[in-house]
Amino acid sequence: MNDQVKELAQRGMALSAEDRSRLVDLLLESLHESPTNEVEAAWAIEIERRLAAYDSGKIQSVAGDDVFAKARSLAR
């Protein structure tokens, strides 16, 4: 562990159990933020692309029942 991490760990251990738990939760969340944000950003771009294609007539909608029926037939 480098000195900064050791210092932070010592300061963290001086916190109450409740505050340590909150700190752990925040640190764990920070590890998972980037992929989630990247995925959400990628979906936002894809949604815009699909809407533009639909609005321009390049693609057409398909009824949900038809999609699920096809999926069920392919799963067999």
Protein backbone atom coordinates (compact mmCIF):
# COMPACT_ATOMS: atom_id res chain seq x y z
CA MET A 1 0.00 0.00 0.00
CA ASN A 2 1.33 3.45 -0.77
CA ASP A 3 1.44 6.12 1.93
CA GLN A 4 -1.69 7.92 0.74
CA VAL A 5 -3.74 4.71 0.78
CA LYS A 6 -2.41 3.81 4.25
CA GLU A 7 -3.31 7.25 5.54
CA LEU A 8 -6.80 7.07 4.08
CA ALA A 9 -7.30 3.57 5.51
CA GLN A 10 -6.25 4.75 8.97
CA ARG A 11 -8.57 7.74 8.76
CA GLY A 12 -11.36 5.50 7.55
CA MET A 13 -10.90 3.06 10.42
CA ALA A 14 -11.32 5.96 12.85
CA LEU A 15 -14.87 6.51 11.57
CA SER A 16 -17.94 5.06 13.21
CA ALA A 17 -19.14 1.70 11.90
CA GLU A 18 -22.04 3.41 10.12
CA ASP A 19 -19.74 5.92 8.39
CA ARG A 20 -17.27 3.17 7.43
CA SER A 21 -20.13 1.26 5.86
CA ARG A 22 -21.23 4.34 3.91
CA LEU A 23 -17.63 4.92 2.80
CA VAL A 24 -17.30 1.33 1.59
CA ASP A 25 -20.57 1.63 -0.34
CA LEU A 26 -19.40 4.85 -2.00
CA LEU A 27 -16.04 3.34 -2.94
CA LEU A 28 -17.66 0.21 -4.38
CA GLU A 29 -20.14 2.31 -6.36
CA SER A 30 -17.25 4.31 -7.81
CA LEU A 31 -15.73 1.11 -9.20
CA HIS A 32 -18.91 0.37 -11.13
CA GLU A 33 -19.80 3.86 -12.34
CA SER A 34 -17.79 4.04 -15.55
CA PRO A 35 -19.08 0.88 -17.21
CA THR A 36 -22.65 1.79 -16.32
CA ASN A 37 -22.26 5.31 -17.66
CA GLU A 38 -20.57 3.99 -20.80
CA VAL A 39 -23.35 1.47 -21.38
CA GLU A 40 -26.03 4.10 -20.83
CA ALA A 41 -24.25 6.48 -23.23
CA ALA A 42 -23.95 3.75 -25.85
CA TRP A 43 -27.66 2.92 -25.51
CA ALA A 44 -28.58 6.61 -25.83
CA ILE A 45 -26.65 6.78 -29.10
CA GLU A 46 -28.25 3.55 -30.34
CA ILE A 47 -31.74 4.78 -29.43
CA GLU A 48 -31.17 7.99 -31.37
CA ARG A 49 -29.85 6.00 -34.36
CA ARG A 50 -32.87 3.69 -34.36
CA LEU A 51 -35.35 6.55 -33.97
CA ALA A 52 -33.74 8.44 -36.84
CA ALA A 53 -33.91 5.32 -39.03
CA TYR A 54 -37.57 4.80 -38.11
CA ASP A 55 -38.46 8.47 -38.66
CA SER A 56 -36.78 8.47 -42.08
CA GLY A 57 -38.58 5.29 -43.13
CA LYS A 58 -35.40 3.19 -43.39
CA ILE A 59 -36.81 0.70 -40.88
CA GLN A 60 -40.32 -0.20 -39.80
CA SER A 61 -41.70 -1.27 -36.47
CA VAL A 62 -42.58 -4.88 -35.69
CA ALA A 63 -45.40 -5.83 -33.33
CA GLY A 64 -44.19 -7.15 -30.00
CA ASP A 65 -46.32 -10.29 -30.32
CA ASP A 66 -44.61 -11.08 -33.63
CA VAL A 67 -41.15 -10.58 -32.12
CA PHE A 68 -41.91 -12.91 -29.21
CA ALA A 69 -43.49 -15.53 -31.47
CA LYS A 70 -40.40 -15.56 -33.65
CA ALA A 71 -38.14 -15.77 -30.61
CA ARG A 72 -40.12 -18.73 -29.28
CA SER A 73 -39.92 -20.52 -32.63
CA LEU A 74 -36.17 -20.00 -32.81
CA ALA A 75 -35.68 -21.30 -29.27
CA ARG A 76 -37.17 -24.69 -30.15
